[in-house]
Amino acid sequence: MKKIVTKKSSSLLHENMDRKNLSLDRRKADPFKKNIDKQLGIIQKTLSELEVTLNRMSMKRLFTDDHHSLSMQCAKKCSSQAQSAKSLMANLDLKYMDDEKMILISELDDRITEVEKRIAEL
């Protein structure tokens, strides 16, 4: 059976870790992922609310003329950063699922190779 070649990951491993012996323990990883998703959701919601608040204050002319354009720029920046947080959440989910699949495939491939070696020895 042909070995699967995985893409080079951008994550750095500690010098004492061996890439061949890595595995994914979902029980430990899922709470971290959920916490990151929760925090990104809070950031996205806060930035969206801040954008709405700044726009309302600007429409009601609560800022001086000097600060009016600055508040509009801040509102636009909040909106774009809220979108970035939302896309980060989606990308995290996709990449986590991809990594999960790749590790599972790698583990299965290693098991199949081991079984093939045992059969060849018989």
PDB file of N, CA and C in Angstrom:
ATOM      1  N   MET A   1       0.847  -1.180   0.000  1.00  0.00           N
ATOM      2  CA  MET A   1       0.000   0.000   0.000  1.00  0.00           C
ATOM      3  C   MET A   1       0.886   1.235   0.000  1.00  0.00           C
ATOM      4  N   LYS A   2       0.487   2.226  -0.747  1.00  0.00           N
ATOM      5  CA  LYS A   2       1.268   3.445  -0.899  1.00  0.00           C
ATOM      6  C   LYS A   2       1.128   4.335   0.333  1.00  0.00           C
ATOM      7  N   LYS A   3       2.231   4.909   0.751  1.00  0.00           N
ATOM      8  CA  LYS A   3       2.220   5.838   1.880  1.00  0.00           C
ATOM      9  C   LYS A   3       1.589   7.154   1.471  1.00  0.00           C
ATOM     10  N   ILE A   4       0.881   7.766   2.386  1.00  0.00           N
ATOM     11  CA  ILE A   4       0.267   9.059   2.147  1.00  0.00           C
ATOM     12  C   ILE A   4       1.256  10.145   2.521  1.00  0.00           C
ATOM     13  N   VAL A   5       1.431  11.083   1.629  1.00  0.00           N
ATOM     14  CA  VAL A   5       2.322  12.209   1.897  1.00  0.00           C
ATOM     15  C   VAL A   5       1.458  13.370   2.375  1.00  0.00           C
ATOM     16  N   THR A   6       1.715  13.810   3.585  1.00  0.00           N
ATOM     17  CA  THR A   6       0.937  14.916   4.139  1.00  0.00           C
ATOM     18  C   THR A   6       1.626  16.233   3.823  1.00  0.00           C
ATOM     19  N   LYS A   7       0.838  17.285   3.801  1.00  0.00           N
ATOM     20  CA  LYS A   7       1.381  18.614   3.557  1.00  0.00           C
ATOM     21  C   LYS A   7       2.224  19.056   4.743  1.00  0.00           C
ATOM     22  N   LYS A   8       3.192  19.891   4.462  1.00  0.00           N
ATOM     23  CA  LYS A   8       4.013  20.433   5.536  1.00  0.00           C
ATOM     24  C   LYS A   8       3.180  21.431   6.329  1.00  0.00           C
ATOM     25  N   SER A   9       3.118  21.239   7.625  1.00  0.00           N
ATOM     26  CA  SER A   9       2.318  22.120   8.459  1.00  0.00           C
ATOM     27  C   SER A   9       3.132  23.335   8.873  1.00  0.00           C
ATOM     28  N   SER A  10       2.419  24.372   9.260  1.00  0.00           N
ATOM     29  CA  SER A  10       3.097  25.594   9.662  1.00  0.00           C
ATOM     30  C   SER A  10       3.317  25.654  11.171  1.00  0.00           C
ATOM     31  N   SER A  11       2.856  24.647  11.893  1.00  0.00           N
ATOM     32  CA  SER A  11       3.032  24.664  13.340  1.00  0.00           C
ATOM     33  C   SER A  11       4.426  24.167  13.708  1.00  0.00           C
ATOM     34  N   LEU A  12       4.944  24.714  14.771  1.00  0.00           N
ATOM     35  CA  LEU A  12       6.272  24.345  15.248  1.00  0.00           C
ATOM     36  C   LEU A  12       6.138  23.368  16.404  1.00  0.00           C
ATOM     37  N   LEU A  13       6.942  22.346  16.384  1.00  0.00           N
ATOM     38  CA  LEU A  13       6.936  21.362  17.456  1.00  0.00           C
ATOM     39  C   LEU A  13       8.071  21.654  18.430  1.00  0.00           C
ATOM     40  N   HIS A  14       7.842  21.257  19.650  1.00  0.00           N
ATOM     41  CA  HIS A  14       8.892  21.367  20.643  1.00  0.00           C
ATOM     42  C   HIS A  14      10.014  20.428  20.245  1.00  0.00           C
ATOM     43  N   GLU A  15      11.233  20.758  20.590  1.00  0.00           N
ATOM     44  CA  GLU A  15      12.382  19.962  20.168  1.00  0.00           C
ATOM     45  C   GLU A  15      12.347  18.532  20.715  1.00  0.00           C
ATOM     46  N   ASN A  16      11.638  18.298  21.813  1.00  0.00           N
ATOM     47  CA  ASN A  16      11.559  16.952  22.395  1.00  0.00           C
ATOM     48  C   ASN A  16      10.445  16.102  21.779  1.00  0.00           C
ATOM     49  N   MET A  17       9.659  16.687  20.874  1.00  0.00           N
ATOM     50  CA  MET A  17       8.549  15.950  20.274  1.00  0.00           C
ATOM     51  C   MET A  17       8.974  15.330  18.953  1.00  0.00           C
ATOM     52  N   ASP A  18       8.444  14.154  18.687  1.00  0.00           N
ATOM     53  CA  ASP A  18       8.712  13.457  17.442  1.00  0.00           C
ATOM     54  C   ASP A  18       7.449  13.484  16.595  1.00  0.00           C
ATOM     55  N   ARG A  19       7.550  13.999  15.374  1.00  0.00           N
ATOM     56  CA  ARG A  19       6.383  14.146  14.496  1.00  0.00           C
ATOM     57  C   ARG A  19       5.743  12.796  14.178  1.00  0.00           C
ATOM     58  N   LYS A  20       6.537  11.728  14.154  1.00  0.00           N
ATOM     59  CA  LYS A  20       6.002  10.405  13.812  1.00  0.00           C
ATOM     60  C   LYS A  20       5.106   9.846  14.905  1.00  0.00           C
ATOM     61  N   ASN A  21       5.301  10.281  16.122  1.00  0.00           N
ATOM     62  CA  ASN A  21       4.532   9.741  17.242  1.00  0.00           C
ATOM     63  C   ASN A  21       3.417  10.668  17.711  1.00  0.00           C
ATOM     64  N   LEU A  22       3.000  11.610  16.867  1.00  0.00           N
ATOM     65  CA  LEU A  22       1.930  12.518  17.245  1.00  0.00           C
ATOM     66  C   LEU A  22       0.572  11.853  17.061  1.00  0.00           C
ATOM     67  N   SER A  23      -0.340  12.183  17.931  1.00  0.00           N
ATOM     68  CA  SER A  23      -1.721  11.742  17.780  1.00  0.00           C
ATOM     69  C   SER A  23      -2.614  12.840  18.347  1.00  0.00           C
ATOM     70  N   LEU A  24      -3.885  12.751  18.016  1.00  0.00           N
ATOM     71  CA  LEU A  24      -4.834  13.766  18.451  1.00  0.00           C
ATOM     72  C   LEU A  24      -5.768  13.165  19.487  1.00  0.00           C
ATOM     73  N   ASP A  25      -5.775  13.735  20.665  1.00  0.00           N
ATOM     74  CA  ASP A  25      -6.699  13.324  21.707  1.00  0.00           C
ATOM     75  C   ASP A  25      -7.840  14.328  21.720  1.00  0.00           C
ATOM     76  N   ARG A  26      -8.950  13.948  21.110  1.00  0.00           N
ATOM     77  CA  ARG A  26     -10.074  14.872  20.959  1.00  0.00           C
ATOM     78  C   ARG A  26     -10.632  15.318  22.299  1.00  0.00           C
ATOM     79  N   ARG A  27     -10.571  14.458  23.294  1.00  0.00           N
ATOM     80  CA  ARG A  27     -11.106  14.840  24.607  1.00  0.00           C
ATOM     81  C   ARG A  27     -10.366  16.041  25.175  1.00  0.00           C
ATOM     82  N   LYS A  28      -9.074  16.137  24.884  1.00  0.00           N
ATOM     83  CA  LYS A  28      -8.290  17.261  25.389  1.00  0.00           C
ATOM     84  C   LYS A  28      -8.319  18.456  24.439  1.00  0.00           C
ATOM     85  N   ALA A  29      -8.394  18.201  23.137  1.00  0.00           N
ATOM     86  CA  ALA A  29      -8.321  19.277  22.146  1.00  0.00           C
ATOM     87  C   ALA A  29      -9.645  20.012  21.983  1.00  0.00           C
ATOM     88  N   ASP A  30     -10.761  19.302  22.082  1.00  0.00           N
ATOM     89  CA  ASP A  30     -12.068  19.929  21.854  1.00  0.00           C
ATOM     90  C   ASP A  30     -12.373  21.084  22.808  1.00  0.00           C
ATOM     91  N   PRO A  31     -12.091  20.957  24.113  1.00  0.00           N
ATOM     92  CA  PRO A  31     -12.362  22.118  24.985  1.00  0.00           C
ATOM     93  C   PRO A  31     -11.563  23.364  24.603  1.00  0.00           C
ATOM     94  N   PHE A  32     -10.321  23.185  24.159  1.00  0.00           N
ATOM     95  CA  PHE A  32      -9.517  24.334  23.726  1.00  0.00           C
ATOM     96  C   PHE A  32     -10.121  24.969  22.489  1.00  0.00           C
ATOM     97  N   LYS A  33     -10.534  24.142  21.544  1.00  0.00           N
ATOM     98  CA  LYS A  33     -11.128  24.651  20.317  1.00  0.00           C
ATOM     99  C   LYS A  33     -12.430  25.380  20.618  1.00  0.00           C
ATOM    100  N   LYS A  34     -13.251  24.813  21.494  1.00  0.00           N
ATOM    101  CA  LYS A  34     -14.506  25.469  21.863  1.00  0.00           C
ATOM    102  C   LYS A  34     -14.258  26.800  22.554  1.00  0.00           C
ATOM    103  N   ASN A  35     -13.226  26.846  23.398  1.00  0.00           N
ATOM    104  CA  ASN A  35     -12.884  28.090  24.089  1.00  0.00           C
ATOM    105  C   ASN A  35     -12.432  29.150  23.090  1.00  0.00           C
ATOM    106  N   ILE A  36     -11.615  28.766  22.122  1.00  0.00           N
ATOM    107  CA  ILE A  36     -11.168  29.715  21.097  1.00  0.00           C
ATOM    108  C   ILE A  36     -12.360  30.210  20.294  1.00  0.00           C
ATOM    109  N   ASP A  37     -13.255  29.290  19.909  1.00  0.00           N
ATOM    110  CA  ASP A  37     -14.462  29.680  19.166  1.00  0.00           C
ATOM    111  C   ASP A  37     -15.316  30.652  19.978  1.00  0.00           C
ATOM    112  N   LYS A  38     -15.452  30.373  21.266  1.00  0.00           N
ATOM    113  CA  LYS A  38     -16.252  31.236  22.135  1.00  0.00           C
ATOM    114  C   LYS A  38     -15.642  32.631  22.223  1.00  0.00           C
ATOM    115  N   GLN A  39     -14.334  32.703  22.402  1.00  0.00           N
ATOM    116  CA  GLN A  39     -13.664  33.993  22.508  1.00  0.00           C
ATOM    117  C   GLN A  39     -13.736  34.777  21.205  1.00  0.00           C
ATOM    118  N   LEU A  40     -13.553  34.088  20.077  1.00  0.00           N
ATOM    119  CA  LEU A  40     -13.676  34.772  18.791  1.00  0.00           C
ATOM    120  C   LEU A  40     -15.106  35.256  18.559  1.00  0.00           C
ATOM    121  N   GLY A  41     -16.089  34.481  19.015  1.00  0.00           N
ATOM    122  CA  GLY A  41     -17.481  34.912  18.907  1.00  0.00           C
ATOM    123  C   GLY A  41     -17.747  36.167  19.721  1.00  0.00           C
ATOM    124  N   ILE A  42     -17.189  36.212  20.918  1.00  0.00           N
ATOM    125  CA  ILE A  42     -17.341  37.398  21.772  1.00  0.00           C
ATOM    126  C   ILE A  42     -16.681  38.606  21.126  1.00  0.00           C
ATOM    127  N   ILE A  43     -15.491  38.409  20.568  1.00  0.00           N
ATOM    128  CA  ILE A  43     -14.790  39.509  19.897  1.00  0.00           C
ATOM    129  C   ILE A  43     -15.600  40.012  18.716  1.00  0.00           C
ATOM    130  N   GLN A  44     -16.116  39.086  17.921  1.00  0.00           N
ATOM    131  CA  GLN A  44     -16.907  39.463  16.744  1.00  0.00           C
ATOM    132  C   GLN A  44     -18.159  40.225  17.146  1.00  0.00           C
ATOM    133  N   LYS A  45     -18.849  39.746  18.165  1.00  0.00           N
ATOM    134  CA  LYS A  45     -20.076  40.402  18.628  1.00  0.00           C
ATOM    135  C   LYS A  45     -19.773  41.794  19.185  1.00  0.00           C
ATOM    136  N   THR A  46     -18.717  41.913  19.967  1.00  0.00           N
ATOM    137  CA  THR A  46     -18.346  43.194  20.561  1.00  0.00           C
ATOM    138  C   THR A  46     -17.974  44.218  19.495  1.00  0.00           C
ATOM    139  N   LEU A  47     -17.194  43.789  18.511  1.00  0.00           N
ATOM    140  CA  LEU A  47     -16.799  44.715  17.448  1.00  0.00           C
ATOM    141  C   LEU A  47     -18.005  45.150  16.610  1.00  0.00           C
ATOM    142  N   SER A  48     -18.938  44.232  16.369  1.00  0.00           N
ATOM    143  CA  SER A  48     -20.150  44.590  15.620  1.00  0.00           C
ATOM    144  C   SER A  48     -20.988  45.600  16.394  1.00  0.00           C
ATOM    145  N   GLU A  49     -21.134  45.377  17.698  1.00  0.00           N
ATOM    146  CA  GLU A  49     -21.892  46.311  18.530  1.00  0.00           C
ATOM    147  C   GLU A  49     -21.200  47.672  18.607  1.00  0.00           C
ATOM    148  N   LEU A  50     -19.895  47.653  18.683  1.00  0.00           N
ATOM    149  CA  LEU A  50     -19.135  48.902  18.727  1.00  0.00           C
ATOM    150  C   LEU A  50     -19.308  49.689  17.428  1.00  0.00           C
ATOM    151  N   GLU A  51     -19.315  48.977  16.309  1.00  0.00           N
ATOM    152  CA  GLU A  51     -19.519  49.633  15.014  1.00  0.00           C
ATOM    153  C   GLU A  51     -20.893  50.304  14.950  1.00  0.00           C
ATOM    154  N   VAL A  52     -21.915  49.596  15.420  1.00  0.00           N
ATOM    155  CA  VAL A  52     -23.277  50.160  15.429  1.00  0.00           C
ATOM    156  C   VAL A  52     -23.347  51.379  16.342  1.00  0.00           C
ATOM    157  N   THR A  53     -22.740  51.270  17.511  1.00  0.00           N
ATOM    158  CA  THR A  53     -22.758  52.379  18.468  1.00  0.00           C
ATOM    159  C   THR A  53     -22.043  53.607  17.909  1.00  0.00           C
ATOM    160  N   LEU A  54     -20.885  53.396  17.307  1.00  0.00           N
ATOM    161  CA  LEU A  54     -20.153  54.525  16.728  1.00  0.00           C
ATOM    162  C   LEU A  54     -20.941  55.177  15.597  1.00  0.00           C
ATOM    163  N   ASN A  55     -21.582  54.370  14.772  1.00  0.00           N
ATOM    164  CA  ASN A  55     -22.395  54.937  13.688  1.00  0.00           C
ATOM    165  C   ASN A  55     -23.567  55.744  14.230  1.00  0.00           C
ATOM    166  N   ARG A  56     -24.231  55.231  15.269  1.00  0.00           N
ATOM    167  CA  ARG A  56     -25.357  55.966  15.858  1.00  0.00           C
ATOM    168  C   ARG A  56     -24.893  57.286  16.453  1.00  0.00           C
ATOM    169  N   MET A  57     -23.773  57.247  17.176  1.00  0.00           N
ATOM    170  CA  MET A  57     -23.260  58.471  17.784  1.00  0.00           C
ATOM    171  C   MET A  57     -22.865  59.484  16.715  1.00  0.00           C
ATOM    172  N   SER A  58     -22.329  58.982  15.634  1.00  0.00           N
ATOM    173  CA  SER A  58     -21.933  59.875  14.545  1.00  0.00           C
ATOM    174  C   SER A  58     -23.149  60.484  13.864  1.00  0.00           C
ATOM    175  N   MET A  59     -24.186  59.685  13.677  1.00  0.00           N
ATOM    176  CA  MET A  59     -25.407  60.192  13.041  1.00  0.00           C
ATOM    177  C   MET A  59     -26.090  61.255  13.908  1.00  0.00           C
ATOM    178  N   LYS A  60     -25.985  61.101  15.213  1.00  0.00           N
ATOM    179  CA  LYS A  60     -26.599  62.067  16.128  1.00  0.00           C
ATOM    180  C   LYS A  60     -25.696  63.271  16.371  1.00  0.00           C
ATOM    181  N   ARG A  61     -24.577  63.305  15.682  1.00  0.00           N
ATOM    182  CA  ARG A  61     -23.633  64.426  15.777  1.00  0.00           C
ATOM    183  C   ARG A  61     -23.137  64.646  17.210  1.00  0.00           C
ATOM    184  N   LEU A  62     -22.794  63.554  17.859  1.00  0.00           N
ATOM    185  CA  LEU A  62     -22.255  63.657  19.211  1.00  0.00           C
ATOM    186  C   LEU A  62     -20.752  63.946  19.220  1.00  0.00           C
ATOM    187  N   PHE A  63     -20.132  63.852  18.052  1.00  0.00           N
ATOM    188  CA  PHE A  63     -18.710  64.143  17.944  1.00  0.00           C
ATOM    189  C   PHE A  63     -18.520  65.501  17.282  1.00  0.00           C
ATOM    190  N   THR A  64     -17.408  66.126  17.586  1.00  0.00           N
ATOM    191  CA  THR A  64     -17.071  67.375  16.888  1.00  0.00           C
ATOM    192  C   THR A  64     -16.680  67.032  15.456  1.00  0.00           C
ATOM    193  N   ASP A  65     -16.597  68.048  14.628  1.00  0.00           N
ATOM    194  CA  ASP A  65     -16.262  67.813  13.225  1.00  0.00           C
ATOM    195  C   ASP A  65     -14.905  67.132  13.065  1.00  0.00           C
ATOM    196  N   ASP A  66     -13.977  67.469  13.940  1.00  0.00           N
ATOM    197  CA  ASP A  66     -12.655  66.852  13.878  1.00  0.00           C
ATOM    198  C   ASP A  66     -12.720  65.354  14.159  1.00  0.00           C
ATOM    199  N   HIS A  67     -13.553  64.989  15.104  1.00  0.00           N
ATOM    200  CA  HIS A  67     -13.633  63.593  15.514  1.00  0.00           C
ATOM    201  C   HIS A  67     -14.695  62.799  14.758  1.00  0.00           C
ATOM    202  N   HIS A  68     -15.519  63.466  13.993  1.00  0.00           N
ATOM    203  CA  HIS A  68     -16.572  62.781  13.245  1.00  0.00           C
ATOM    204  C   HIS A  68     -15.978  61.804  12.224  1.00  0.00           C
ATOM    205  N   SER A  69     -15.008  62.269  11.447  1.00  0.00           N
ATOM    206  CA  SER A  69     -14.405  61.386  10.440  1.00  0.00           C
ATOM    207  C   SER A  69     -13.619  60.258  11.102  1.00  0.00           C
ATOM    208  N   LEU A  70     -13.005  60.568  12.233  1.00  0.00           N
ATOM    209  CA  LEU A  70     -12.275  59.536  12.969  1.00  0.00           C
ATOM    210  C   LEU A  70     -13.222  58.450  13.474  1.00  0.00           C
ATOM    211  N   SER A  71     -14.379  58.863  13.966  1.00  0.00           N
ATOM    212  CA  SER A  71     -15.339  57.871  14.461  1.00  0.00           C
ATOM    213  C   SER A  71     -15.871  57.004  13.327  1.00  0.00           C
ATOM    214  N   MET A  72     -16.056  57.583  12.141  1.00  0.00           N
ATOM    215  CA  MET A  72     -16.502  56.795  10.992  1.00  0.00           C
ATOM    216  C   MET A  72     -15.427  55.799  10.561  1.00  0.00           C
ATOM    217  N   GLN A  73     -14.175  56.225  10.615  1.00  0.00           N
ATOM    218  CA  GLN A  73     -13.078  55.314  10.285  1.00  0.00           C
ATOM    219  C   GLN A  73     -12.997  54.169  11.289  1.00  0.00           C
ATOM    220  N   CYS A  74     -13.189  54.499  12.561  1.00  0.00           N
ATOM    221  CA  CYS A  74     -13.173  53.470  13.601  1.00  0.00           C
ATOM    222  C   CYS A  74     -14.328  52.486  13.417  1.00  0.00           C
ATOM    223  N   ALA A  75     -15.479  52.997  13.039  1.00  0.00           N
ATOM    224  CA  ALA A  75     -16.634  52.134  12.805  1.00  0.00           C
ATOM    225  C   ALA A  75     -16.370  51.180  11.656  1.00  0.00           C
ATOM    226  N   LYS A  76     -15.766  51.682  10.575  1.00  0.00           N
ATOM    227  CA  LYS A  76     -15.441  50.821   9.436  1.00  0.00           C
ATOM    228  C   LYS A  76     -14.418  49.764   9.833  1.00  0.00           C
ATOM    229  N   LYS A  77     -13.441  50.174  10.610  1.00  0.00           N
ATOM    230  CA  LYS A  77     -12.410  49.240  11.062  1.00  0.00           C
ATOM    231  C   LYS A  77     -13.017  48.169  11.967  1.00  0.00           C
ATOM    232  N   CYS A  78     -13.944  48.558  12.838  1.00  0.00           N
ATOM    233  CA  CYS A  78     -14.620  47.587  13.702  1.00  0.00           C
ATOM    234  C   CYS A  78     -15.395  46.579  12.869  1.00  0.00           C
ATOM    235  N   SER A  79     -16.056  47.066  11.836  1.00  0.00           N
ATOM    236  CA  SER A  79     -16.824  46.189  10.963  1.00  0.00           C
ATOM    237  C   SER A  79     -15.916  45.185  10.252  1.00  0.00           C
ATOM    238  N   SER A  80     -14.801  45.665   9.734  1.00  0.00           N
ATOM    239  CA  SER A  80     -13.890  44.763   9.025  1.00  0.00           C
ATOM    240  C   SER A  80     -13.237  43.753   9.983  1.00  0.00           C
ATOM    241  N   GLN A  81     -12.919  44.193  11.189  1.00  0.00           N
ATOM    242  CA  GLN A  81     -12.316  43.280  12.157  1.00  0.00           C
ATOM    243  C   GLN A  81     -13.325  42.245  12.659  1.00  0.00           C
ATOM    244  N   ALA A  82     -14.593  42.634  12.734  1.00  0.00           N
ATOM    245  CA  ALA A  82     -15.639  41.674  13.112  1.00  0.00           C
ATOM    246  C   ALA A  82     -15.758  40.594  12.047  1.00  0.00           C
ATOM    247  N   GLN A  83     -15.682  41.004  10.781  1.00  0.00           N
ATOM    248  CA  GLN A  83     -15.711  40.027   9.684  1.00  0.00           C
ATOM    249  C   GLN A  83     -14.484  39.123   9.742  1.00  0.00           C
ATOM    250  N   SER A  84     -13.336  39.696  10.079  1.00  0.00           N
ATOM    251  CA  SER A  84     -12.111  38.893  10.192  1.00  0.00           C
ATOM    252  C   SER A  84     -12.239  37.852  11.293  1.00  0.00           C
ATOM    253  N   ALA A  85     -12.816  38.231  12.418  1.00  0.00           N
ATOM    254  CA  ALA A  85     -13.015  37.280  13.515  1.00  0.00           C
ATOM    255  C   ALA A  85     -13.954  36.162  13.090  1.00  0.00           C
ATOM    256  N   LYS A  86     -14.992  36.518  12.350  1.00  0.00           N
ATOM    257  CA  LYS A  86     -15.941  35.516  11.868  1.00  0.00           C
ATOM    258  C   LYS A  86     -15.261  34.540  10.909  1.00  0.00           C
ATOM    259  N   SER A  87     -14.428  35.065  10.012  1.00  0.00           N
ATOM    260  CA  SER A  87     -13.735  34.182   9.073  1.00  0.00           C
ATOM    261  C   SER A  87     -12.679  33.338   9.790  1.00  0.00           C
ATOM    262  N   LEU A  88     -12.064  33.881  10.831  1.00  0.00           N
ATOM    263  CA  LEU A  88     -11.120  33.089  11.626  1.00  0.00           C
ATOM    264  C   LEU A  88     -11.804  31.897  12.278  1.00  0.00           C
ATOM    265  N   MET A  89     -13.014  32.109  12.756  1.00  0.00           N
ATOM    266  CA  MET A  89     -13.772  31.012  13.357  1.00  0.00           C
ATOM    267  C   MET A  89     -14.035  29.921  12.327  1.00  0.00           C
ATOM    268  N   ALA A  90     -14.447  30.318  11.133  1.00  0.00           N
ATOM    269  CA  ALA A  90     -14.730  29.345  10.079  1.00  0.00           C
ATOM    270  C   ALA A  90     -13.460  28.617   9.658  1.00  0.00           C
ATOM    271  N   ASN A  91     -12.366  29.367   9.494  1.00  0.00           N
ATOM    272  CA  ASN A  91     -11.099  28.744   9.101  1.00  0.00           C
ATOM    273  C   ASN A  91     -10.587  27.789  10.163  1.00  0.00           C
ATOM    274  N   LEU A  92     -10.745  28.153  11.422  1.00  0.00           N
ATOM    275  CA  LEU A  92     -10.314  27.279  12.504  1.00  0.00           C
ATOM    276  C   LEU A  92     -11.067  25.965  12.445  1.00  0.00           C
ATOM    277  N   ASP A  93     -12.378  26.026  12.247  1.00  0.00           N
ATOM    278  CA  ASP A  93     -13.174  24.802  12.160  1.00  0.00           C
ATOM    279  C   ASP A  93     -12.726  23.928  10.996  1.00  0.00           C
ATOM    280  N   LEU A  94     -12.524  24.535   9.836  1.00  0.00           N
ATOM    281  CA  LEU A  94     -12.112  23.765   8.661  1.00  0.00           C
ATOM    282  C   LEU A  94     -10.736  23.137   8.848  1.00  0.00           C
ATOM    283  N   LYS A  95      -9.801  23.906   9.351  1.00  0.00           N
ATOM    284  CA  LYS A  95      -8.445  23.394   9.523  1.00  0.00           C
ATOM    285  C   LYS A  95      -8.384  22.335  10.621  1.00  0.00           C
ATOM    286  N   TYR A  96      -9.177  22.495  11.661  1.00  0.00           N
ATOM    287  CA  TYR A  96      -9.221  21.500  12.730  1.00  0.00           C
ATOM    288  C   TYR A  96      -9.754  20.181  12.184  1.00  0.00           C
ATOM    289  N   MET A  97     -10.826  20.246  11.388  1.00  0.00           N
ATOM    290  CA  MET A  97     -11.384  19.028  10.814  1.00  0.00           C
ATOM    291  C   MET A  97     -10.400  18.389   9.836  1.00  0.00           C
ATOM    292  N   ASP A  98      -9.698  19.195   9.044  1.00  0.00           N
ATOM    293  CA  ASP A  98      -8.695  18.653   8.125  1.00  0.00           C
ATOM    294  C   ASP A  98      -7.571  17.963   8.878  1.00  0.00           C
ATOM    295  N   ASP A  99      -7.080  18.605   9.931  1.00  0.00           N
ATOM    296  CA  ASP A  99      -6.020  17.996  10.733  1.00  0.00           C
ATOM    297  C   ASP A  99      -6.489  16.696  11.376  1.00  0.00           C
ATOM    298  N   GLU A 100      -7.718  16.709  11.849  1.00  0.00           N
ATOM    299  CA  GLU A 100      -8.299  15.516  12.447  1.00  0.00           C
ATOM    300  C   GLU A 100      -8.304  14.358  11.445  1.00  0.00           C
ATOM    301  N   LYS A 101      -8.740  14.640  10.221  1.00  0.00           N
ATOM    302  CA  LYS A 101      -8.795  13.614   9.179  1.00  0.00           C
ATOM    303  C   LYS A 101      -7.399  13.130   8.810  1.00  0.00           C
ATOM    304  N   MET A 102      -6.452  14.075   8.667  1.00  0.00           N
ATOM    305  CA  MET A 102      -5.099  13.698   8.273  1.00  0.00           C
ATOM    306  C   MET A 102      -4.433  12.822   9.329  1.00  0.00           C
ATOM    307  N   ILE A 103      -4.629  13.135  10.588  1.00  0.00           N
ATOM    308  CA  ILE A 103      -4.034  12.330  11.649  1.00  0.00           C
ATOM    309  C   ILE A 103      -4.672  10.949  11.673  1.00  0.00           C
ATOM    310  N   LEU A 104      -5.984  10.883  11.501  1.00  0.00           N
ATOM    311  CA  LEU A 104      -6.673   9.598  11.471  1.00  0.00           C
ATOM    312  C   LEU A 104      -6.193   8.761  10.295  1.00  0.00           C
ATOM    313  N   ILE A 105      -6.075   9.366   9.132  1.00  0.00           N
ATOM    314  CA  ILE A 105      -5.596   8.644   7.944  1.00  0.00           C
ATOM    315  C   ILE A 105      -4.173   8.164   8.158  1.00  0.00           C
ATOM    316  N   SER A 106      -3.342   9.017   8.740  1.00  0.00           N
ATOM    317  CA  SER A 106      -1.961   8.646   9.007  1.00  0.00           C
ATOM    318  C   SER A 106      -1.882   7.465   9.974  1.00  0.00           C
ATOM    319  N   GLU A 107      -2.693   7.507  11.035  1.00  0.00           N
ATOM    320  CA  GLU A 107      -2.708   6.406  11.999  1.00  0.00           C
ATOM    321  C   GLU A 107      -3.185   5.110  11.350  1.00  0.00           C
ATOM    322  N   LEU A 108      -4.230   5.199  10.532  1.00  0.00           N
ATOM    323  CA  LEU A 108      -4.729   4.012   9.836  1.00  0.00           C
ATOM    324  C   LEU A 108      -3.697   3.469   8.860  1.00  0.00           C
ATOM    325  N   ASP A 109      -3.006   4.349   8.171  1.00  0.00           N
ATOM    326  CA  ASP A 109      -1.971   3.929   7.237  1.00  0.00           C
ATOM    327  C   ASP A 109      -0.844   3.211   7.965  1.00  0.00           C
ATOM    328  N   ASP A 110      -0.450   3.713   9.109  1.00  0.00           N
ATOM    329  CA  ASP A 110       0.593   3.063   9.908  1.00  0.00           C
ATOM    330  C   ASP A 110       0.141   1.684  10.370  1.00  0.00           C
ATOM    331  N   ARG A 111      -1.106   1.566  10.792  1.00  0.00           N
ATOM    332  CA  ARG A 111      -1.630   0.263  11.221  1.00  0.00           C
ATOM    333  C   ARG A 111      -1.658  -0.732  10.063  1.00  0.00           C
ATOM    334  N   ILE A 112      -2.074  -0.274   8.895  1.00  0.00           N
ATOM    335  CA  ILE A 112      -2.126  -1.149   7.721  1.00  0.00           C
ATOM    336  C   ILE A 112      -0.725  -1.602   7.343  1.00  0.00           C
ATOM    337  N   THR A 113       0.237  -0.703   7.404  1.00  0.00           N
ATOM    338  CA  THR A 113       1.620  -1.053   7.102  1.00  0.00           C
ATOM    339  C   THR A 113       2.128  -2.099   8.078  1.00  0.00           C
ATOM    340  N   GLU A 114       1.808  -1.941   9.331  1.00  0.00           N
ATOM    341  CA  GLU A 114       2.222  -2.911  10.353  1.00  0.00           C
ATOM    342  C   GLU A 114       1.596  -4.279  10.092  1.00  0.00           C
ATOM    343  N   VAL A 115       0.322  -4.309   9.749  1.00  0.00           N
ATOM    344  CA  VAL A 115      -0.363  -5.572   9.451  1.00  0.00           C
ATOM    345  C   VAL A 115       0.249  -6.228   8.210  1.00  0.00           C
ATOM    346  N   GLU A 116       0.561  -5.415   7.193  1.00  0.00           N
ATOM    347  CA  GLU A 116       1.190  -5.945   5.989  1.00  0.00           C
ATOM    348  C   GLU A 116       2.548  -6.563   6.304  1.00  0.00           C
ATOM    349  N   LYS A 117       3.311  -5.933   7.200  1.00  0.00           N
ATOM    350  CA  LYS A 117       4.604  -6.502   7.591  1.00  0.00           C
ATOM    351  C   LYS A 117       4.420  -7.833   8.297  1.00  0.00           C
ATOM    352  N   ARG A 118       3.436  -7.915   9.176  1.00  0.00           N
ATOM    353  CA  ARG A 118       3.189  -9.171   9.896  1.00  0.00           C
ATOM    354  C   ARG A 118       2.761 -10.292   8.937  1.00  0.00           C
ATOM    355  N   ILE A 119       1.923  -9.925   7.963  1.00  0.00           N
ATOM    356  CA  ILE A 119       1.474 -10.923   6.986  1.00  0.00           C
ATOM    357  C   ILE A 119       2.655 -11.399   6.129  1.00  0.00           C
ATOM    358  N   ALA A 120       3.525 -10.463   5.757  1.00  0.00           N
ATOM    359  CA  ALA A 120       4.685 -10.813   4.943  1.00  0.00           C
ATOM    360  C   ALA A 120       5.636 -11.733   5.690  1.00  0.00           C
ATOM    361  N   GLU A 121       5.706 -11.565   7.005  1.00  0.00           N
ATOM    362  CA  GLU A 121       6.586 -12.416   7.812  1.00  0.00           C
ATOM    363  C   GLU A 121       6.054 -13.842   7.917  1.00  0.00           C
ATOM    364  N   LEU A 122       4.728 -13.990   7.809  1.00  0.00           N
ATOM    365  CA  LEU A 122       4.142 -15.325   7.899  1.00  0.00           C
ATOM    366  C   LEU A 122       4.400 -16.033   6.609  1.00  0.00           C
TER     367      LEU A 122
END
